[in-house]
Amino acid sequence: MPGRIHPLRSAVALALALSGGVACAAPPENLDARVEQVIHDIGIPGMAVTIVEDGKVVHAKGYGVRRLGSPEPVDADTIFPTGSTGKAITTAALAVLVDEGKIGWDDKVTDHLPGFQMYDPWVTREMTIRDLLVHRSGLGLGAGDLMFVPRSSLSRAETVRRLRYIKPATSFRSGYAYDNVLYVVAGQLIEAVSGKTWEQFVRERVLRPAGMNVSTTDDASRFATANRVQPHARMDGGMRGVGTQEVLDERRSLGSNAAPAGGVSSSAHDMGRWLSIQLAHGALPEGGRLFSEESSEQMWTPQVLMPIHGYPGPLAATTPQFSAYALGWDVRDYRGVKVIEHGGAVFGVQTMVVLIPEKNIGFSLQINSEDGVALRGLQYELLDHYLDAPKHDWVSDFAAFRAGNVDKAKAALREAKVDAKPSRPSLTPAQYAGRYSDPWYGPIDITADKGRMRIDFKQTPDMAGTLSHWQYDTFKVAWDDRSLEPAYVTFNLGAEGKVERVTMKPVSPLADFSYDYQDLLFTPVTAK
């Protein structure tokens, strides 16, 4: 039981003290009450919290409900989609292949995927497996995400093939820009080397050997599990993330082609197994190894510096002195201690995983909503607890910071509406209509019926909406699915007065970066 004196734990504590380390404390005494207060105050339907100390799970518990309006509680076996925290799972799958001698971290990707191509032939030749994992490819932030956000009909192989059409934003290995699409390549590489799909390989060679027995890698298995959360979001307050909490359609989520970037679902109990194995550098609690200590060292070794954007005012203490990306993990400092962490979000669900190797402590926080201020706040409250720092209400500070950003975004939307110029479109609706295509996304259809214009993203199921005039030749799309981010659609005319290209950008200043509308460039498709 947490807090109970154990002879072996006492011996470990003594050894740590003699070596200059600090013995692990028990979880906060008021942890249950604090979590209950946070989910009540923030308005989160449900949460799961896991804490591991000295290789032992000392806390794994659910709070709240799986779905608003339903009584079923979240417990320690309730599964949550874990989003980008699954990048470390894909990295572990690659580590298994590295340990078997089937691949090397610095192998060229084309050694194992001969058809792989980036936009630049030189980058294609030089790209290594390590490069796939560390966000230094030269692609822009979230480039290509619309191939699987919010969902997709594309296969994983076709998604990888289309990478060759995405223009880089910077030179190769010159800096950090978070992407998901190269983890899709990593998943395809695992299949090419192992002969098994990413889903099969991760399930059989990572999750089950790790003892993560309720975790899933595919939607079919997740939907077949009764004890799962439903996603929630706020959508009626003028922009996504503001307003009343609503239940989302769980089947309208991230495309399965992107599962290697964030398709694992897991529970509090299973996260305890994962945290224990990570802290043990790949060793399994019962003996044996999931991956080697050498691979563990590779996973946690910083590879590329991440920009540091300091928080203002009360949050300044959370600004790190260094921040870097390793293989599927963020590495940074807090109060002089190195922290290994990663956040994850699938629309309507969020997760945070945190490791403090120096203290041999790890914890995870999962919620079935998009209220990330709770995750960030509780993360720092737990860090303070284990680093013997004074108690502080970080949840309230992050909530206030978020509220300030929302106020600024609302003001920007009001200004945009006021600044919109009274004007008329250059063409009739029928003259805008047609099929257009972007090299990496693919086709969209613009249709006109009785003066009503519609847009349909053909490879994103149910991503269709109505266009209303905004100003000049720019229209605003209101998607039929209210959970999708609205966008501006601008028709650019040539000298002959016909549409030559179509561009887009998000309406909301707080839109998720995965809605990379700004990277699209549609041109008319000539009928054959």
Protein backbone atom coordinates (compact mmCIF):
# COMPACT_ATOMS: atom_id res chain seq x y z
CA MET A 1 0.00 0.00 0.00
CA PRO A 2 1.26 3.55 -0.69
CA GLY A 3 2.99 5.03 2.37
CA ARG A 4 3.51 1.67 4.11
CA ILE A 5 7.12 0.94 5.18
CA HIS A 6 8.59 -1.96 3.23
CA PRO A 7 12.00 -3.53 4.07
CA LEU A 8 13.15 -3.69 0.46
CA ARG A 9 11.90 -0.14 -0.19
CA SER A 10 13.82 1.01 2.89
CA ALA A 11 16.99 -0.63 1.58
CA VAL A 12 16.55 1.04 -1.78
CA ALA A 13 15.95 4.38 -0.05
CA LEU A 14 19.14 3.96 1.97
CA ALA A 15 21.14 3.10 -1.14
CA LEU A 16 19.76 6.14 -2.94
CA ALA A 17 20.59 8.38 0.00
CA LEU A 18 24.14 7.03 0.22
CA SER A 19 24.65 7.56 -3.51
CA GLY A 20 23.40 11.13 -3.38
CA GLY A 21 19.91 10.33 -4.69
CA VAL A 22 16.65 11.18 -2.98
CA ALA A 23 14.32 8.50 -1.73
CA CYS A 24 10.90 8.31 -3.33
CA ALA A 25 8.00 9.83 -1.48
CA ALA A 26 4.54 8.35 -1.42
CA PRO A 27 1.87 9.85 -3.71
CA PRO A 28 0.27 13.02 -2.35
CA GLU A 29 -2.04 12.21 0.55
CA ASN A 30 -4.86 14.28 -0.93
CA LEU A 31 -4.41 13.05 -4.51
CA ASP A 32 -7.93 11.60 -4.88
CA ALA A 33 -9.56 14.74 -3.53
CA ARG A 34 -7.38 16.95 -5.73
CA VAL A 35 -8.20 15.02 -8.90
CA GLU A 36 -11.91 15.04 -8.08
CA GLN A 37 -11.75 18.79 -7.50
CA VAL A 38 -9.97 19.40 -10.82
CA ILE A 39 -12.39 17.37 -12.92
CA HIS A 40 -15.28 19.15 -11.21
CA ASP A 41 -13.83 22.67 -11.52
CA ILE A 42 -12.61 22.28 -15.12
CA GLY A 43 -15.62 20.21 -16.21
CA ILE A 44 -13.85 17.03 -17.33
CA PRO A 45 -16.02 13.92 -17.62
CA GLY A 46 -13.36 11.38 -16.62
CA MET A 47 -9.69 10.91 -15.80
CA ALA A 48 -7.19 8.15 -15.05
CA VAL A 49 -4.01 8.62 -13.02
CA THR A 50 -1.08 6.22 -12.74
CA ILE A 51 2.04 6.62 -10.58
CA VAL A 52 5.09 4.34 -10.50
CA GLU A 53 7.77 4.53 -7.78
CA ASP A 54 10.88 2.35 -7.73
CA GLY A 55 9.42 0.10 -10.40
CA LYS A 56 6.18 -0.47 -8.50
CA VAL A 57 2.74 0.83 -9.44
CA VAL A 58 1.66 2.69 -6.31
CA HIS A 59 -1.40 4.36 -7.80
CA ALA A 60 -3.62 3.37 -10.73
CA LYS A 61 -7.14 4.69 -10.53
CA GLY A 62 -10.01 6.12 -12.55
CA TYR A 63 -12.18 9.11 -11.71
CA GLY A 64 -15.45 10.41 -13.12
CA VAL A 65 -17.38 8.81 -15.94
CA ARG A 66 -16.61 7.38 -19.36
CA ARG A 67 -19.36 9.40 -21.03
CA LEU A 68 -21.32 12.47 -20.01
CA GLY A 69 -24.88 11.56 -19.07
CA SER A 70 -24.02 7.91 -18.40
CA PRO A 71 -23.19 6.35 -15.01
CA GLU A 72 -20.39 3.98 -16.09
CA PRO A 73 -17.29 5.02 -14.12
CA VAL A 74 -13.72 5.28 -15.30
CA ASP A 75 -11.61 2.63 -13.56
CA ALA A 76 -8.03 1.46 -13.79
CA ASP A 77 -8.84 -0.80 -16.77
CA THR A 78 -10.77 1.78 -18.81
CA ILE A 79 -8.92 2.39 -22.08
CA PHE A 80 -8.20 5.86 -23.45
CA PRO A 81 -6.72 6.68 -26.85
CA THR A 82 -3.24 7.98 -25.95
CA GLY A 83 -2.42 10.06 -29.04
CA SER A 84 1.20 10.99 -29.66
CA THR A 85 2.45 9.35 -26.47
CA GLY A 86 2.25 6.27 -28.73
CA LYS A 87 5.26 7.56 -30.67
CA ALA A 88 7.38 6.04 -27.90
CA ILE A 89 5.57 2.72 -28.50
CA THR A 90 6.48 2.83 -32.20
CA THR A 91 10.05 3.65 -31.18
CA ALA A 92 10.05 0.62 -28.86
CA ALA A 93 8.86 -1.56 -31.76
CA LEU A 94 11.79 -0.31 -33.82
CA ALA A 95 14.10 -1.00 -30.85
CA VAL A 96 12.99 -4.65 -30.87
CA LEU A 97 14.09 -4.87 -34.51
CA VAL A 98 17.35 -3.05 -33.73
CA ASP A 99 18.10 -5.50 -30.90
CA GLU A 100 17.48 -8.40 -33.31
CA GLY A 101 19.97 -6.92 -35.77
CA LYS A 102 17.35 -6.46 -38.49
CA ILE A 103 17.73 -2.67 -38.66
CA GLY A 104 20.00 0.04 -37.29
CA TRP A 105 18.96 3.47 -36.04
CA ASP A 106 21.14 5.09 -38.69
CA ASP A 107 20.17 2.83 -41.58
CA LYS A 108 18.93 4.73 -44.60
CA VAL A 109 15.15 4.50 -44.88
CA THR A 110 15.50 3.47 -48.54
CA ASP A 111 17.53 0.42 -47.42
CA HIS A 112 14.25 -1.01 -46.12
CA LEU A 113 11.64 0.98 -48.07
CA PRO A 114 13.08 1.31 -51.61
CA GLY A 115 10.05 3.26 -52.85
CA PHE A 116 10.29 5.93 -50.14
CA GLN A 117 10.68 9.47 -51.47
CA MET A 118 10.80 12.96 -50.00
CA TYR A 119 10.34 16.10 -52.12
CA ASP A 120 14.11 16.57 -52.37
CA PRO A 121 16.04 13.58 -53.86
CA TRP A 122 19.07 14.31 -51.66
CA VAL A 123 16.92 14.19 -48.52
CA THR A 124 15.43 10.92 -49.78
CA ARG A 125 18.91 9.40 -50.03
CA GLU A 126 20.09 10.73 -46.65
CA MET A 127 16.98 10.15 -44.49
CA THR A 128 17.68 7.61 -41.73
CA ILE A 129 15.39 5.70 -39.40
CA ARG A 130 16.53 8.04 -36.63
CA ASP A 131 15.50 11.04 -38.76
CA LEU A 132 11.96 9.65 -38.99
CA LEU A 133 11.57 9.98 -35.23
CA VAL A 134 13.03 13.38 -34.28
CA HIS A 135 11.18 16.07 -36.28
CA ARG A 136 14.16 17.52 -38.17
CA SER A 137 13.21 16.55 -41.72
CA GLY A 138 12.60 20.09 -42.98
CA LEU A 139 8.84 19.56 -43.20
CA GLY A 140 6.68 22.32 -41.72
CA LEU A 141 4.71 21.96 -38.50
CA GLY A 142 2.06 19.27 -38.98
CA ALA A 143 2.74 19.02 -42.71
CA GLY A 144 0.58 16.38 -44.37
CA ASP A 145 -1.67 15.83 -41.36
CA LEU A 146 -4.81 16.38 -43.42
CA MET A 147 -4.09 13.01 -45.02
CA PHE A 148 -5.36 11.47 -41.77
CA VAL A 149 -6.91 14.34 -39.77
CA PRO A 150 -9.71 14.16 -38.90
CA ARG A 151 -9.97 10.80 -40.69
CA SER A 152 -9.07 9.28 -44.05
CA SER A 153 -9.79 6.69 -46.69
CA LEU A 154 -6.10 6.50 -47.67
CA SER A 155 -4.00 3.43 -46.98
CA ARG A 156 -0.78 3.75 -45.01
CA ALA A 157 1.26 2.87 -48.10
CA GLU A 158 -0.47 5.55 -50.17
CA THR A 159 0.06 8.10 -47.39
CA VAL A 160 3.78 7.34 -47.46
CA ARG A 161 3.86 7.57 -51.26
CA ARG A 162 2.41 11.08 -51.22
CA LEU A 163 5.22 12.42 -49.03
CA ARG A 164 7.19 13.14 -52.21
CA TYR A 165 4.78 15.97 -53.03
CA ILE A 166 5.08 17.89 -49.74
CA LYS A 167 7.47 20.80 -50.14
CA PRO A 168 9.88 21.36 -47.24
CA ALA A 169 9.66 24.47 -45.10
CA THR A 170 13.34 24.48 -44.11
CA SER A 171 16.53 22.64 -45.01
CA PHE A 172 17.10 19.07 -43.84
CA ARG A 173 18.24 18.67 -40.20
CA SER A 174 18.38 22.45 -39.71
CA GLY A 175 15.80 22.65 -36.94
CA TYR A 176 12.78 21.24 -35.17
CA ALA A 177 9.20 21.14 -36.50
CA TYR A 178 6.80 18.55 -35.10
CA ASP A 179 5.31 16.14 -37.61
CA ASN A 180 3.24 12.97 -37.58
CA VAL A 181 3.63 11.77 -41.13
CA LEU A 182 7.18 10.44 -40.72
CA TYR A 183 6.01 8.17 -37.91
CA VAL A 184 3.60 6.77 -40.50
CA VAL A 185 6.71 5.97 -42.56
CA ALA A 186 8.22 4.29 -39.48
CA GLY A 187 5.12 2.11 -39.21
CA GLN A 188 5.36 1.14 -42.86
CA LEU A 189 9.05 0.33 -42.39
CA ILE A 190 8.21 -1.99 -39.48
CA GLU A 191 5.83 -3.84 -41.78
CA ALA A 192 8.43 -4.10 -44.56
CA VAL A 193 11.07 -5.51 -42.20
CA SER A 194 8.92 -7.77 -40.04
CA GLY A 195 6.30 -8.94 -42.55
CA LYS A 196 3.60 -7.92 -40.07
CA THR A 197 1.48 -4.78 -40.01
CA TRP A 198 2.36 -2.14 -37.45
CA GLU A 199 -0.80 -3.11 -35.54
CA GLN A 200 0.18 -6.80 -35.40
CA PHE A 201 3.84 -6.23 -34.59
CA VAL A 202 3.18 -3.73 -31.80
CA ARG A 203 0.50 -5.92 -30.28
CA GLU A 204 2.57 -9.14 -30.44
CA ARG A 205 6.10 -7.84 -29.82
CA VAL A 206 5.55 -4.82 -27.56
CA LEU A 207 2.20 -4.63 -25.78
CA ARG A 208 1.63 -8.29 -24.89
CA PRO A 209 5.24 -9.02 -23.83
CA ALA A 210 5.06 -5.83 -21.76
CA GLY A 211 1.98 -7.17 -19.97
CA MET A 212 -0.19 -4.39 -21.40
CA ASN A 213 -3.02 -6.81 -21.95
CA VAL A 214 -6.00 -4.48 -22.46
CA SER A 215 -4.16 -1.98 -24.70
CA THR A 216 -5.17 -1.93 -28.36
CA THR A 217 -3.62 -0.85 -31.64
CA ASP A 218 -6.66 -0.74 -33.92
CA ASP A 219 -10.16 0.71 -33.90
CA ALA A 220 -11.89 -2.66 -34.26
CA SER A 221 -10.34 -3.95 -31.02
CA ARG A 222 -10.98 -0.66 -29.24
CA PHE A 223 -14.64 -0.52 -30.25
CA ALA A 224 -15.06 -4.14 -29.17
CA THR A 225 -13.93 -3.21 -25.64
CA ALA A 226 -16.89 -2.16 -23.52
CA ASN A 227 -14.73 -0.47 -20.89
CA ARG A 228 -13.59 2.51 -22.98
CA VAL A 229 -14.07 6.25 -22.73
CA GLN A 230 -16.00 8.39 -25.15
CA PRO A 231 -14.36 11.59 -26.48
CA HIS A 232 -15.68 15.02 -25.51
CA ALA A 233 -15.05 18.58 -26.68
CA ARG A 234 -16.37 22.12 -26.36
CA MET A 235 -17.71 23.44 -29.66
CA ASP A 236 -20.55 25.92 -29.10
CA GLY A 237 -18.58 28.88 -27.74
CA GLY A 238 -17.51 30.45 -31.01
CA MET A 239 -14.50 28.21 -31.61
CA ARG A 240 -13.30 24.69 -30.86
CA GLY A 241 -12.30 24.40 -27.21
CA VAL A 242 -14.82 26.93 -25.88
CA GLY A 243 -18.35 26.36 -24.64
CA THR A 244 -20.31 23.40 -23.33
CA GLN A 245 -18.79 19.92 -23.11
CA GLU A 246 -20.29 17.62 -25.75
CA VAL A 247 -19.88 13.96 -26.62
CA LEU A 248 -18.09 13.38 -29.94
CA ASP A 249 -18.59 10.52 -32.37
CA GLU A 250 -15.70 8.18 -31.51
CA ARG A 251 -15.81 6.66 -34.99
CA ARG A 252 -14.95 10.01 -36.53
CA SER A 253 -11.44 10.08 -35.19
CA LEU A 254 -7.86 9.96 -36.43
CA GLY A 255 -7.39 7.95 -39.62
CA SER A 256 -5.99 4.45 -39.00
CA ASN A 257 -3.28 5.15 -41.58
CA ALA A 258 -1.68 7.39 -38.92
CA ALA A 259 -1.81 4.83 -36.09
CA PRO A 260 2.02 4.61 -35.76
CA ALA A 261 1.98 8.31 -34.86
CA GLY A 262 -0.73 8.02 -32.22
CA GLY A 263 -3.03 5.01 -32.49
CA VAL A 264 -2.48 3.12 -29.23
CA SER A 265 -5.24 3.00 -26.60
CA SER A 266 -4.32 2.08 -23.05
CA SER A 267 -5.53 1.97 -19.45
CA ALA A 268 -4.17 3.17 -16.12
CA HIS A 269 -3.02 -0.36 -15.21
CA ASP A 270 -1.29 -0.84 -18.56
CA MET A 271 0.32 2.59 -18.39
CA GLY A 272 1.81 1.45 -15.09
CA ARG A 273 3.49 -1.44 -16.88
CA TRP A 274 4.80 0.90 -19.58
CA LEU A 275 6.17 3.42 -17.06
CA SER A 276 7.88 0.65 -15.09
CA ILE A 277 9.57 -0.77 -18.18
CA GLN A 278 10.74 2.65 -19.31
CA LEU A 279 12.22 3.45 -15.91
CA ALA A 280 13.91 0.02 -15.88
CA HIS A 281 15.52 0.78 -19.27
CA GLY A 282 13.66 -2.00 -21.05
CA ALA A 283 13.71 -4.66 -18.32
CA LEU A 284 10.44 -6.46 -17.56
CA PRO A 285 9.23 -6.59 -13.93
CA GLU A 286 9.12 -10.41 -13.97
CA GLY A 287 12.54 -10.76 -15.60
CA GLY A 288 13.77 -10.65 -19.17
CA ARG A 289 13.73 -7.59 -21.40
CA LEU A 290 11.39 -5.86 -23.82
CA PHE A 291 14.30 -3.96 -25.37
CA SER A 292 17.97 -3.56 -24.55
CA GLU A 293 19.55 -1.01 -22.23
CA GLU A 294 21.45 0.30 -25.27
CA SER A 295 18.17 0.98 -27.05
CA SER A 296 16.79 2.66 -23.94
CA GLU A 297 19.77 5.01 -23.92
CA GLN A 298 19.13 5.85 -27.57
CA MET A 299 15.47 6.60 -26.86
CA TRP A 300 16.30 9.19 -24.18
CA THR A 301 19.31 10.83 -25.82
CA PRO A 302 18.47 14.34 -27.14
CA GLN A 303 18.76 14.63 -30.91
CA VAL A 304 17.44 18.06 -31.85
CA LEU A 305 16.95 21.24 -29.87
CA MET A 306 13.39 22.45 -29.45
CA PRO A 307 12.58 26.17 -29.32
CA ILE A 308 11.88 27.45 -25.82
CA HIS A 309 8.92 29.81 -25.56
CA GLY A 310 8.87 31.15 -22.04
CA TYR A 311 5.62 31.27 -20.12
CA PRO A 312 4.72 34.67 -18.64
CA GLY A 313 3.94 35.69 -15.07
CA PRO A 314 2.91 32.93 -12.67
CA LEU A 315 3.88 30.19 -15.14
CA ALA A 316 7.46 31.41 -15.60
CA ALA A 317 8.84 28.73 -13.28
CA THR A 318 7.72 26.03 -15.72
CA THR A 319 9.90 27.43 -18.52
CA PRO A 320 12.82 25.00 -19.03
CA GLN A 321 16.48 25.92 -19.37
CA PHE A 322 16.90 23.29 -22.08
CA SER A 323 14.42 21.44 -24.25
CA ALA A 324 15.15 18.76 -26.83
CA TYR A 325 13.53 15.91 -28.70
CA ALA A 326 14.84 12.37 -28.45
CA LEU A 327 13.36 9.22 -30.05
CA GLY A 328 9.65 9.63 -29.35
CA TRP A 329 10.27 11.63 -26.15
CA ASP A 330 10.68 15.27 -25.06
CA VAL A 331 13.70 15.83 -22.79
CA ARG A 332 13.79 18.97 -20.65
CA ASP A 333 14.52 20.20 -17.14
CA TYR A 334 12.35 21.33 -14.25
CA ARG A 335 13.75 22.67 -10.99
CA GLY A 336 17.22 21.38 -11.94
CA VAL A 337 16.07 17.82 -12.68
CA LYS A 338 15.86 16.14 -16.09
CA VAL A 339 12.33 15.18 -17.10
CA ILE A 340 11.40 12.80 -19.92
CA GLU A 341 7.85 13.39 -21.11
CA HIS A 342 5.41 13.40 -24.01
CA GLY A 343 1.87 14.63 -24.46
CA GLY A 344 -0.72 13.12 -26.74
CA ALA A 345 -4.08 14.16 -28.13
CA VAL A 346 -6.64 12.46 -30.32
CA PHE A 347 -9.66 14.69 -30.84
CA GLY A 348 -11.68 14.55 -27.63
CA VAL A 349 -9.06 12.73 -25.52
CA GLN A 350 -5.67 13.77 -24.09
CA THR A 351 -2.77 12.05 -22.29
CA MET A 352 0.45 13.12 -20.58
CA VAL A 353 3.29 10.72 -19.71
CA VAL A 354 6.13 11.92 -17.45
CA LEU A 355 9.32 10.21 -16.23
CA ILE A 356 11.81 11.47 -13.63
CA PRO A 357 14.68 8.99 -14.11
CA GLU A 358 16.83 10.51 -11.35
CA LYS A 359 14.07 9.76 -8.83
CA ASN A 360 12.93 6.50 -10.47
CA ILE A 361 9.40 7.89 -10.67
CA GLY A 362 6.92 8.08 -13.51
CA PHE A 363 3.28 9.01 -13.91
CA SER A 364 0.58 9.32 -16.54
CA LEU A 365 -2.57 11.42 -16.71
CA GLN A 366 -5.45 10.69 -19.10
CA ILE A 367 -8.67 12.61 -19.72
CA ASN A 368 -11.62 12.08 -22.07
CA SER A 369 -11.83 15.74 -23.07
CA GLU A 370 -9.63 18.45 -24.57
CA ASP A 371 -9.07 20.42 -21.35
CA GLY A 372 -5.30 20.20 -21.41
CA VAL A 373 -4.89 22.78 -18.65
CA ALA A 374 -5.78 20.03 -16.18
CA LEU A 375 -3.06 17.74 -17.50
CA ARG A 376 -0.41 20.44 -17.49
CA GLY A 377 -1.42 21.70 -14.08
CA LEU A 378 -1.51 18.29 -12.40
CA GLN A 379 1.75 17.38 -14.12
CA TYR A 380 3.57 20.23 -12.38
CA GLU A 381 1.78 19.64 -9.10
CA LEU A 382 3.02 16.03 -9.11
CA LEU A 383 6.50 17.11 -10.17
CA ASP A 384 6.59 19.60 -7.29
CA HIS A 385 5.50 16.89 -4.89
CA TYR A 386 8.25 14.49 -5.94
CA LEU A 387 10.89 17.23 -6.13
CA ASP A 388 10.03 18.50 -2.64
CA ALA A 389 8.97 21.91 -3.95
CA PRO A 390 6.28 24.04 -2.29
CA LYS A 391 2.67 23.25 -3.12
CA HIS A 392 1.19 25.40 -5.85
CA ASP A 393 -2.13 25.48 -7.72
CA TRP A 394 -0.73 25.07 -11.24
CA VAL A 395 -4.13 24.05 -12.64
CA SER A 396 -5.58 27.49 -11.91
CA ASP A 397 -2.53 29.22 -13.40
CA PHE A 398 -2.70 27.23 -16.63
CA ALA A 399 -6.47 27.76 -16.79
CA ALA A 400 -6.00 31.53 -16.46
CA PHE A 401 -3.31 31.50 -19.15
CA ARG A 402 -5.62 29.56 -21.46
CA ALA A 403 -8.51 31.95 -20.75
CA GLY A 404 -6.30 34.87 -21.76
CA ASN A 405 -5.45 33.19 -25.05
CA VAL A 406 -9.13 32.46 -25.70
CA ASP A 407 -10.02 36.11 -25.08
CA LYS A 408 -7.34 37.20 -27.58
CA ALA A 409 -8.61 34.70 -30.14
CA LYS A 410 -12.21 35.88 -29.74
CA ALA A 411 -11.08 39.48 -30.18
CA ALA A 412 -9.20 38.50 -33.36
CA LEU A 413 -12.32 36.82 -34.75
CA ARG A 414 -14.41 39.90 -33.99
CA GLU A 415 -11.86 42.13 -35.70
CA ALA A 416 -11.77 39.86 -38.73
CA LYS A 417 -15.54 40.11 -39.02
CA VAL A 418 -15.47 43.91 -38.73
CA ASP A 419 -12.57 44.20 -41.19
CA ALA A 420 -14.21 42.03 -43.84
CA LYS A 421 -14.76 44.31 -46.83
CA PRO A 422 -18.26 44.73 -48.25
CA SER A 423 -17.79 43.17 -51.67
CA ARG A 424 -19.21 40.76 -54.19
CA PRO A 425 -17.59 37.61 -55.58
CA SER A 426 -16.04 37.90 -59.05
CA LEU A 427 -17.83 34.83 -60.43
CA THR A 428 -21.15 33.07 -60.18
CA PRO A 429 -21.30 29.95 -57.99
CA ALA A 430 -21.36 27.76 -61.10
CA GLN A 431 -18.13 29.35 -62.34
CA TYR A 432 -16.31 28.43 -59.12
CA ALA A 433 -17.59 24.86 -59.31
CA GLY A 434 -15.36 22.02 -60.43
CA ARG A 435 -12.87 19.42 -59.29
CA TYR A 436 -9.58 20.67 -57.87
CA SER A 437 -6.59 18.69 -56.66
CA ASP A 438 -3.58 19.20 -54.37
CA PRO A 439 -0.48 17.09 -55.11
CA TRP A 440 -0.23 15.53 -51.64
CA TYR A 441 -3.82 15.69 -50.37
CA GLY A 442 -5.67 14.77 -53.55
CA PRO A 443 -9.06 15.93 -54.90
CA ILE A 444 -11.83 18.17 -53.63
CA ASP A 445 -15.12 18.98 -55.36
CA ILE A 446 -16.75 22.42 -55.40
CA THR A 447 -20.39 22.18 -56.43
CA ALA A 448 -23.14 24.74 -56.98
CA ASP A 449 -26.86 24.01 -56.78
CA LYS A 450 -29.42 26.81 -56.91
CA GLY A 451 -26.76 29.29 -55.89
CA ARG A 452 -25.59 27.24 -52.90
CA MET A 453 -21.89 26.31 -52.95
CA ARG A 454 -20.55 23.16 -51.34
CA ILE A 455 -17.05 21.77 -50.79
CA ASP A 456 -16.23 18.07 -50.39
CA PHE A 457 -12.83 16.66 -49.37
CA LYS A 458 -13.12 13.43 -51.31
CA GLN A 459 -10.57 11.36 -49.35
CA THR A 460 -11.76 12.46 -45.92
CA PRO A 461 -15.06 10.72 -45.16
CA ASP A 462 -17.88 13.12 -44.22
CA MET A 463 -15.66 16.21 -44.59
CA ALA A 464 -18.11 18.30 -46.56
CA GLY A 465 -19.60 21.70 -45.92
CA THR A 466 -21.33 24.79 -47.20
CA LEU A 467 -19.44 27.84 -48.48
CA SER A 468 -20.70 31.32 -47.63
CA HIS A 469 -19.22 34.48 -49.07
CA TRP A 470 -16.75 36.28 -46.79
CA GLN A 471 -15.12 38.97 -48.94
CA TYR A 472 -13.94 39.32 -52.54
CA ASP A 473 -13.24 35.75 -53.75
CA THR A 474 -12.84 34.32 -50.27
CA PHE A 475 -15.52 32.10 -48.75
CA LYS A 476 -15.92 30.56 -45.32
CA VAL A 477 -16.75 26.88 -45.00
CA ALA A 478 -19.06 25.63 -42.27
CA TRP A 479 -18.58 21.88 -42.15
CA ASP A 480 -21.59 19.60 -41.76
CA ASP A 481 -19.64 17.94 -38.95
CA ARG A 482 -19.45 20.69 -36.33
CA SER A 483 -16.36 19.14 -34.75
CA LEU A 484 -14.18 20.12 -37.74
CA GLU A 485 -12.24 23.39 -37.79
CA PRO A 486 -13.87 26.03 -40.05
CA ALA A 487 -11.69 27.43 -42.82
CA TYR A 488 -11.42 30.28 -45.27
CA VAL A 489 -11.35 29.18 -48.92
CA THR A 490 -9.87 31.66 -51.41
CA PHE A 491 -10.25 31.34 -55.18
CA ASN A 492 -7.40 32.97 -57.10
CA LEU A 493 -8.28 34.05 -60.64
CA GLY A 494 -6.03 34.22 -63.67
CA ALA A 495 -5.89 36.86 -66.39
CA GLU A 496 -8.79 35.22 -68.19
CA GLY A 497 -11.04 35.46 -65.15
CA LYS A 498 -11.04 31.72 -64.45
CA VAL A 499 -10.01 30.00 -61.21
CA GLU A 500 -6.33 29.06 -61.37
CA ARG A 501 -5.82 27.90 -57.80
CA VAL A 502 -7.58 27.54 -54.45
CA THR A 503 -5.95 28.14 -51.07
CA MET A 504 -7.20 27.76 -47.50
CA LYS A 505 -6.42 28.76 -43.93
CA PRO A 506 -8.04 28.09 -40.54
CA VAL A 507 -10.58 30.58 -39.20
CA SER A 508 -9.73 30.10 -35.52
CA PRO A 509 -6.42 31.46 -34.22
CA LEU A 510 -6.40 28.48 -31.83
CA ALA A 511 -7.01 25.79 -34.48
CA ASP A 512 -5.05 22.58 -33.97
CA PHE A 513 -1.93 22.59 -36.16
CA SER A 514 -2.98 19.28 -37.71
CA TYR A 515 -5.56 21.21 -39.70
CA ASP A 516 -2.75 22.31 -42.02
CA TYR A 517 -5.09 24.01 -44.50
CA GLN A 518 -2.37 26.57 -45.25
CA ASP A 519 -0.20 23.87 -46.85
CA LEU A 520 -2.80 23.07 -49.51
CA LEU A 521 -2.64 24.40 -53.06
CA PHE A 522 -5.50 23.16 -55.21
CA THR A 523 -5.53 23.62 -58.98
CA PRO A 524 -8.31 22.77 -61.46
CA VAL A 525 -8.43 19.21 -62.71
CA THR A 526 -8.84 19.08 -66.48
CA ALA A 527 -11.36 16.49 -67.59
CA LYS A 528 -9.80 13.61 -69.56
